[in-house]
């Protein structure tokens, strides 16, 4: 899958990931999966 989002949203997302989870490989995928699951549950 490929997603295109605004630069501003990507920066906010990356910053939040680094603050919450650190700069480890795979954290962005984990955070994206969590965000998608949250969105699905809310809808």
Protein backbone atom coordinates (compact mmCIF):
# COMPACT_ATOMS: atom_id res chain seq x y z
CA UNK A 1 0.00 0.00 0.00
CA UNK A 2 1.11 3.51 -0.68
CA UNK A 3 -0.33 6.59 0.99
CA UNK A 4 0.13 10.19 0.02
CA UNK A 5 -0.45 12.70 2.80
CA UNK A 6 0.49 16.33 3.25
CA UNK A 7 4.01 17.09 4.40
CA UNK A 8 2.60 18.76 7.51
CA UNK A 9 0.55 15.69 8.52
CA UNK A 10 3.51 13.38 7.90
CA UNK A 11 5.76 15.54 10.08
CA UNK A 12 3.19 15.58 12.91
CA UNK A 13 2.77 11.80 12.64
CA UNK A 14 6.52 11.13 12.65
CA UNK A 15 7.09 13.50 15.58
CA UNK A 16 4.37 11.79 17.62
CA UNK A 17 5.76 8.34 16.81
CA UNK A 18 9.26 9.32 17.88
CA UNK A 19 8.03 10.89 21.12
CA UNK A 20 5.78 7.95 22.00
CA UNK A 21 7.73 4.95 20.65
CA UNK A 22 11.26 6.07 19.89
CA UNK A 23 13.24 5.86 16.69
CA UNK A 24 13.21 2.11 16.16
CA UNK A 25 12.74 0.34 12.87
CA UNK A 26 9.14 -0.71 12.34
CA UNK A 27 7.58 1.83 14.70
CA UNK A 28 5.97 3.79 11.88
CA UNK A 29 4.24 0.66 10.57
CA UNK A 30 3.01 -0.20 14.07
CA UNK A 31 1.69 3.33 14.59
CA UNK A 32 0.00 3.38 11.19
CA UNK A 33 -1.68 0.03 11.86
CA UNK A 34 -2.86 1.32 15.24
CA UNK A 35 -4.24 4.50 13.65
CA UNK A 36 -6.08 2.52 10.97
CA UNK A 37 -7.57 0.14 13.55
CA UNK A 38 -8.72 3.10 15.67
CA UNK A 39 -10.33 4.72 12.64
CA UNK A 40 -12.12 1.50 11.66
CA UNK A 41 -13.47 1.01 15.19
CA UNK A 42 -14.76 4.58 15.33
CA UNK A 43 -16.58 4.27 12.03
